Amino acid sequence: MMISHDTRCALDAVVDLLNTAPEGESPGAPDSLTGLAALEDFVRRHDVSDVGALGAGDLAAVRSVRARFTRIFAADDDRAAAEQLNALVASAGTTPQLTDHDGYDWHVHYFAPGASVAEHLAADGGMALAFLLVAGERERLRRCEAPDCRHAFVDLSRNRSRRYCDSRTCGNRLHVAAYRARRREAAAG
């Protein structure tokens, strides 16, 4: 599956944003998007462009966008996901425009000039998710199958076979546990 650099960056931001929510962590884990410092760190990590000074209203708005992304990931079918994506993208005041800033070749920004960080994430992240839906790839939006982890991820493997947010941690932990269980069973039998 071919995904442009910008779409990949937007998908990474959506996944990272989802994984700041308590449901993205171990059961009972706290929200990690707790204050302006955490939001500023998120903006810096994802190199979100054209964002001015952030305030408490931005934090609340980004949490609201996060909740909407959560519902899109959990949608029962493409039609439900499309309805939610249409509403999200429309609410962001999407204004596609070509740009070639910061040494990147021409690409499209979907957020309107002067957009808030929440509108920026909703527009670019919503469009990235819409591209997956249009390509018939919505099933690539997943939650980790490890029982103690519900992190979101986008399965970009060729055969759509990825089951864990990180095979080195969640996947390996489950494989080791299964191996030990088989050894215990063999020793007892």
C-alpha atoms as a PDB file:
ATOM      1  CA  MET A   1       0.000   0.000   0.000  1.00  0.00           C
ATOM      2  CA  MET A   2       1.431   3.357  -1.035  1.00  0.00           C
ATOM      3  CA  ILE A   3       1.052   6.079   1.555  1.00  0.00           C
ATOM      4  CA  SER A   4       2.506   9.553   1.095  1.00  0.00           C
ATOM      5  CA  HIS A   5       4.892  11.006   3.653  1.00  0.00           C
ATOM      6  CA  ASP A   6       2.267  13.497   4.876  1.00  0.00           C
ATOM      7  CA  THR A   7      -0.430  10.867   5.201  1.00  0.00           C
ATOM      8  CA  ARG A   8       1.945   8.657   7.176  1.00  0.00           C
ATOM      9  CA  CYS A   9       2.868  11.557   9.475  1.00  0.00           C
ATOM     10  CA  ALA A  10      -0.829  12.348  10.018  1.00  0.00           C
ATOM     11  CA  LEU A  11      -1.607   8.679  10.756  1.00  0.00           C
ATOM     12  CA  ASP A  12       1.300   8.535  13.216  1.00  0.00           C
ATOM     13  CA  ALA A  13      -0.046  11.646  14.969  1.00  0.00           C
ATOM     14  CA  VAL A  14      -3.563  10.148  15.163  1.00  0.00           C
ATOM     15  CA  VAL A  15      -2.225   6.891  16.634  1.00  0.00           C
ATOM     16  CA  ASP A  16      -0.005   8.714  19.111  1.00  0.00           C
ATOM     17  CA  LEU A  17      -2.918  10.933  20.122  1.00  0.00           C
ATOM     18  CA  LEU A  18      -5.186   7.901  20.612  1.00  0.00           C
ATOM     19  CA  ASN A  19      -2.536   6.242  22.742  1.00  0.00           C
ATOM     20  CA  THR A  20      -2.502   9.164  25.174  1.00  0.00           C
ATOM     21  CA  ALA A  21      -6.024   8.180  26.254  1.00  0.00           C
ATOM     22  CA  PRO A  22      -6.609   5.833  29.189  1.00  0.00           C
ATOM     23  CA  GLU A  23      -8.163   3.196  26.884  1.00  0.00           C
ATOM     24  CA  GLY A  24      -4.955   3.168  24.876  1.00  0.00           C
ATOM     25  CA  GLU A  25      -2.973   1.961  27.863  1.00  0.00           C
ATOM     26  CA  SER A  26      -3.215  -0.848  30.361  1.00  0.00           C
ATOM     27  CA  PRO A  27      -6.584  -0.986  32.110  1.00  0.00           C
ATOM     28  CA  GLY A  28      -6.792   1.769  34.700  1.00  0.00           C
ATOM     29  CA  ALA A  29      -3.844   3.717  33.281  1.00  0.00           C
ATOM     30  CA  PRO A  30      -4.131   7.496  33.512  1.00  0.00           C
ATOM     31  CA  ASP A  31      -4.576   9.949  30.664  1.00  0.00           C
ATOM     32  CA  SER A  32      -1.125  11.064  29.518  1.00  0.00           C
ATOM     33  CA  LEU A  33      -2.417  14.227  27.808  1.00  0.00           C
ATOM     34  CA  THR A  34      -2.889  15.943  31.144  1.00  0.00           C
ATOM     35  CA  GLY A  35      -1.681  19.479  30.653  1.00  0.00           C
ATOM     36  CA  LEU A  36      -0.277  22.093  28.325  1.00  0.00           C
ATOM     37  CA  ALA A  37       3.269  20.723  28.685  1.00  0.00           C
ATOM     38  CA  ALA A  38       2.093  17.318  27.420  1.00  0.00           C
ATOM     39  CA  LEU A  39       0.225  18.967  24.532  1.00  0.00           C
ATOM     40  CA  GLU A  40       3.250  21.114  23.658  1.00  0.00           C
ATOM     41  CA  ASP A  41       5.420  17.980  23.699  1.00  0.00           C
ATOM     42  CA  PHE A  42       2.946  16.222  21.388  1.00  0.00           C
ATOM     43  CA  VAL A  43       2.954  19.182  18.968  1.00  0.00           C
ATOM     44  CA  ARG A  44       6.761  19.261  18.994  1.00  0.00           C
ATOM     45  CA  ARG A  45       7.129  15.461  18.543  1.00  0.00           C
ATOM     46  CA  HIS A  46       4.836  15.498  15.534  1.00  0.00           C
ATOM     47  CA  ASP A  47       6.192  18.743  14.115  1.00  0.00           C
ATOM     48  CA  VAL A  48       2.674  20.169  13.869  1.00  0.00           C
ATOM     49  CA  SER A  49       3.130  23.293  11.774  1.00  0.00           C
ATOM     50  CA  ASP A  50       1.503  26.708  12.047  1.00  0.00           C
ATOM     51  CA  VAL A  51       0.538  26.323  15.705  1.00  0.00           C
ATOM     52  CA  GLY A  52       0.728  29.410  17.878  1.00  0.00           C
ATOM     53  CA  ALA A  53       0.697  29.649  21.644  1.00  0.00           C
ATOM     54  CA  LEU A  54      -1.376  26.899  23.247  1.00  0.00           C
ATOM     55  CA  GLY A  55      -3.909  27.366  26.013  1.00  0.00           C
ATOM     56  CA  ALA A  56      -6.295  25.361  28.171  1.00  0.00           C
ATOM     57  CA  GLY A  57      -8.950  25.577  25.456  1.00  0.00           C
ATOM     58  CA  ASP A  58      -6.560  23.873  23.032  1.00  0.00           C
ATOM     59  CA  LEU A  59      -6.043  20.997  25.451  1.00  0.00           C
ATOM     60  CA  ALA A  60      -9.800  20.456  25.830  1.00  0.00           C
ATOM     61  CA  ALA A  61     -10.328  20.703  22.052  1.00  0.00           C
ATOM     62  CA  VAL A  62      -7.556  18.187  21.298  1.00  0.00           C
ATOM     63  CA  ARG A  63      -9.026  15.766  23.846  1.00  0.00           C
ATOM     64  CA  SER A  64     -12.369  16.152  22.076  1.00  0.00           C
ATOM     65  CA  VAL A  65     -10.740  15.378  18.701  1.00  0.00           C
ATOM     66  CA  ARG A  66      -9.054  12.373  20.335  1.00  0.00           C
ATOM     67  CA  ALA A  67     -12.450  11.065  21.444  1.00  0.00           C
ATOM     68  CA  ARG A  68     -13.747  11.449  17.880  1.00  0.00           C
ATOM     69  CA  PHE A  69     -10.754   9.537  16.487  1.00  0.00           C
ATOM     70  CA  THR A  70     -11.442   6.819  19.078  1.00  0.00           C
ATOM     71  CA  ARG A  71     -15.006   6.451  17.764  1.00  0.00           C
ATOM     72  CA  ILE A  72     -13.741   6.278  14.175  1.00  0.00           C
ATOM     73  CA  PHE A  73     -11.304   3.478  15.079  1.00  0.00           C
ATOM     74  CA  ALA A  74     -14.139   1.633  16.841  1.00  0.00           C
ATOM     75  CA  ALA A  75     -16.750   2.150  14.084  1.00  0.00           C
ATOM     76  CA  ASP A  76     -18.699  -0.991  13.215  1.00  0.00           C
ATOM     77  CA  ASP A  77     -18.497  -0.504   9.468  1.00  0.00           C
ATOM     78  CA  ASP A  78     -17.244   1.766   6.693  1.00  0.00           C
ATOM     79  CA  ARG A  79     -20.480   3.759   6.513  1.00  0.00           C
ATOM     80  CA  ALA A  80     -20.369   4.611  10.217  1.00  0.00           C
ATOM     81  CA  ALA A  81     -16.673   5.519   9.957  1.00  0.00           C
ATOM     82  CA  ALA A  82     -17.368   7.669   6.871  1.00  0.00           C
ATOM     83  CA  GLU A  83     -20.173   9.570   8.611  1.00  0.00           C
ATOM     84  CA  GLN A  84     -17.933  10.298  11.578  1.00  0.00           C
ATOM     85  CA  LEU A  85     -15.004  11.269   9.339  1.00  0.00           C
ATOM     86  CA  ASN A  86     -17.191  13.595   7.264  1.00  0.00           C
ATOM     87  CA  ALA A  87     -18.429  15.333  10.403  1.00  0.00           C
ATOM     88  CA  LEU A  88     -14.911  15.609  11.861  1.00  0.00           C
ATOM     89  CA  VAL A  89     -13.329  16.985   8.691  1.00  0.00           C
ATOM     90  CA  ALA A  90     -16.195  19.440   8.145  1.00  0.00           C
ATOM     91  CA  SER A  91     -15.974  20.694  11.739  1.00  0.00           C
ATOM     92  CA  ALA A  92     -12.274  21.417  11.205  1.00  0.00           C
ATOM     93  CA  GLY A  93     -13.035  23.918   8.433  1.00  0.00           C
ATOM     94  CA  THR A  94     -10.942  21.945   5.999  1.00  0.00           C
ATOM     95  CA  THR A  95      -9.308  24.111   3.338  1.00  0.00           C
ATOM     96  CA  PRO A  96      -6.939  22.059   1.151  1.00  0.00           C
ATOM     97  CA  GLN A  97      -3.909  24.010   0.004  1.00  0.00           C
ATOM     98  CA  LEU A  98      -0.609  23.141  -1.646  1.00  0.00           C
ATOM     99  CA  THR A  99       2.572  24.002   0.231  1.00  0.00           C
ATOM    100  CA  ASP A 100       6.311  23.237   0.075  1.00  0.00           C
ATOM    101  CA  HIS A 101       7.542  24.439   3.463  1.00  0.00           C
ATOM    102  CA  ASP A 102      10.553  23.380   5.537  1.00  0.00           C
ATOM    103  CA  GLY A 103      12.371  21.607   2.711  1.00  0.00           C
ATOM    104  CA  TYR A 104       9.526  19.237   1.858  1.00  0.00           C
ATOM    105  CA  ASP A 105       8.325  18.884  -1.727  1.00  0.00           C
ATOM    106  CA  TRP A 106       4.819  19.972  -2.670  1.00  0.00           C
ATOM    107  CA  HIS A 107       2.161  18.461  -0.483  1.00  0.00           C
ATOM    108  CA  VAL A 108      -1.363  19.253   0.681  1.00  0.00           C
ATOM    109  CA  HIS A 109      -2.330  20.688   4.041  1.00  0.00           C
ATOM    110  CA  TYR A 110      -6.007  20.269   4.814  1.00  0.00           C
ATOM    111  CA  PHE A 111      -6.242  22.645   7.764  1.00  0.00           C
ATOM    112  CA  ALA A 112      -7.280  26.223   7.185  1.00  0.00           C
ATOM    113  CA  PRO A 113      -4.770  29.046   7.689  1.00  0.00           C
ATOM    114  CA  GLY A 114      -4.849  30.090  11.332  1.00  0.00           C
ATOM    115  CA  ALA A 115      -6.417  26.778  12.418  1.00  0.00           C
ATOM    116  CA  SER A 116      -6.116  25.715  16.028  1.00  0.00           C
ATOM    117  CA  VAL A 117      -4.043  22.646  16.860  1.00  0.00           C
ATOM    118  CA  ALA A 118      -7.266  20.629  17.288  1.00  0.00           C
ATOM    119  CA  GLU A 119      -8.565  21.745  13.879  1.00  0.00           C
ATOM    120  CA  HIS A 120      -5.174  20.961  12.363  1.00  0.00           C
ATOM    121  CA  LEU A 121      -5.190  17.412  13.797  1.00  0.00           C
ATOM    122  CA  ALA A 122      -8.848  16.874  12.856  1.00  0.00           C
ATOM    123  CA  ALA A 123      -8.320  18.046   9.267  1.00  0.00           C
ATOM    124  CA  ASP A 124      -5.030  16.323   8.440  1.00  0.00           C
ATOM    125  CA  GLY A 125      -5.673  13.241  10.596  1.00  0.00           C
ATOM    126  CA  GLY A 126      -9.249  12.955   9.390  1.00  0.00           C
ATOM    127  CA  MET A 127      -8.167  13.147   5.753  1.00  0.00           C
ATOM    128  CA  ALA A 128      -5.446  10.518   6.318  1.00  0.00           C
ATOM    129  CA  LEU A 129      -8.056   8.181   7.811  1.00  0.00           C
ATOM    130  CA  ALA A 130     -10.414   9.013   4.939  1.00  0.00           C
ATOM    131  CA  PHE A 131      -7.734   7.980   2.433  1.00  0.00           C
ATOM    132  CA  LEU A 132      -7.522   4.572   4.132  1.00  0.00           C
ATOM    133  CA  LEU A 133     -11.298   4.185   4.028  1.00  0.00           C
ATOM    134  CA  VAL A 134     -11.468   5.177   0.329  1.00  0.00           C
ATOM    135  CA  ALA A 135      -8.715   2.650  -0.460  1.00  0.00           C
ATOM    136  CA  GLY A 136     -10.775  -0.084   1.228  1.00  0.00           C
ATOM    137  CA  GLU A 137      -8.189  -0.367   3.995  1.00  0.00           C
ATOM    138  CA  ARG A 138     -10.141   0.628   7.119  1.00  0.00           C
ATOM    139  CA  GLU A 139      -9.401  -2.780   8.661  1.00  0.00           C
ATOM    140  CA  ARG A 140      -5.812  -1.576   9.005  1.00  0.00           C
ATOM    141  CA  LEU A 141      -6.975   0.606  11.922  1.00  0.00           C
ATOM    142  CA  ARG A 142      -6.438  -1.706  14.869  1.00  0.00           C
ATOM    143  CA  ARG A 143      -6.037  -2.061  18.591  1.00  0.00           C
ATOM    144  CA  CYS A 144      -3.285  -4.246  20.052  1.00  0.00           C
ATOM    145  CA  GLU A 145      -4.460  -7.801  20.744  1.00  0.00           C
ATOM    146  CA  ALA A 146      -2.341  -8.176  23.874  1.00  0.00           C
ATOM    147  CA  PRO A 147      -4.823  -8.541  26.747  1.00  0.00           C
ATOM    148  CA  ASP A 148      -3.079  -5.921  28.896  1.00  0.00           C
ATOM    149  CA  CYS A 149      -2.652  -3.387  26.078  1.00  0.00           C
ATOM    150  CA  ARG A 150      -5.197  -1.573  23.924  1.00  0.00           C
ATOM    151  CA  HIS A 151      -2.823   0.721  22.027  1.00  0.00           C
ATOM    152  CA  ALA A 152      -4.002   1.840  18.621  1.00  0.00           C
ATOM    153  CA  PHE A 153      -1.895   1.257  15.533  1.00  0.00           C
ATOM    154  CA  VAL A 154      -2.202   1.260  11.760  1.00  0.00           C
ATOM    155  CA  ASP A 155      -1.249  -2.106  10.280  1.00  0.00           C
ATOM    156  CA  LEU A 156       0.854  -1.253   7.252  1.00  0.00           C
ATOM    157  CA  SER A 157       2.133  -4.796   6.754  1.00  0.00           C
ATOM    158  CA  ARG A 158       1.672  -6.214   3.261  1.00  0.00           C
ATOM    159  CA  ASN A 159      -0.726  -8.944   4.290  1.00  0.00           C
ATOM    160  CA  ARG A 160      -2.508  -7.029   7.056  1.00  0.00           C
ATOM    161  CA  SER A 161      -1.335  -9.577   9.632  1.00  0.00           C
ATOM    162  CA  ARG A 162       0.014  -7.368  12.397  1.00  0.00           C
ATOM    163  CA  ARG A 163      -1.655  -8.126  15.726  1.00  0.00           C
ATOM    164  CA  TYR A 164       0.329  -6.106  18.252  1.00  0.00           C
ATOM    165  CA  CYS A 165       1.231  -2.452  18.609  1.00  0.00           C
ATOM    166  CA  ASP A 166       4.860  -3.506  19.020  1.00  0.00           C
ATOM    167  CA  SER A 167       6.059  -7.019  18.283  1.00  0.00           C
ATOM    168  CA  ARG A 168       9.156  -6.519  20.447  1.00  0.00           C
ATOM    169  CA  THR A 169       7.113  -5.799  23.564  1.00  0.00           C
ATOM    170  CA  CYS A 170       3.498  -6.958  23.402  1.00  0.00           C
ATOM    171  CA  GLY A 171       4.006  -9.656  20.774  1.00  0.00           C
ATOM    172  CA  ASN A 172       7.165 -11.051  22.328  1.00  0.00           C
ATOM    173  CA  ARG A 173       5.657 -10.989  25.829  1.00  0.00           C
ATOM    174  CA  LEU A 174       2.674 -13.065  24.660  1.00  0.00           C
ATOM    175  CA  HIS A 175       4.831 -15.498  22.704  1.00  0.00           C
ATOM    176  CA  VAL A 176       7.085 -16.051  25.739  1.00  0.00           C
ATOM    177  CA  ALA A 177       4.039 -16.550  27.994  1.00  0.00           C
ATOM    178  CA  ALA A 178       2.571 -19.099  25.555  1.00  0.00           C
ATOM    179  CA  TYR A 179       5.904 -20.919  25.339  1.00  0.00           C
ATOM    180  CA  ARG A 180       6.188 -21.109  29.144  1.00  0.00           C
ATOM    181  CA  ALA A 181       2.603 -22.332  29.432  1.00  0.00           C
ATOM    182  CA  ARG A 182       3.319 -25.102  26.902  1.00  0.00           C
ATOM    183  CA  ARG A 183       6.448 -26.099  28.831  1.00  0.00           C
ATOM    184  CA  ARG A 184       4.545 -26.204  32.132  1.00  0.00           C
ATOM    185  CA  GLU A 185       1.808 -28.279  30.512  1.00  0.00           C
ATOM    186  CA  ALA A 186       4.364 -30.686  29.010  1.00  0.00           C
ATOM    187  CA  ALA A 187       6.165 -31.023  32.366  1.00  0.00           C
ATOM    188  CA  ALA A 188       2.892 -31.701  34.200  1.00  0.00           C
ATOM    189  CA  GLY A 189       1.671 -34.167  31.578  1.00  0.00           C
END
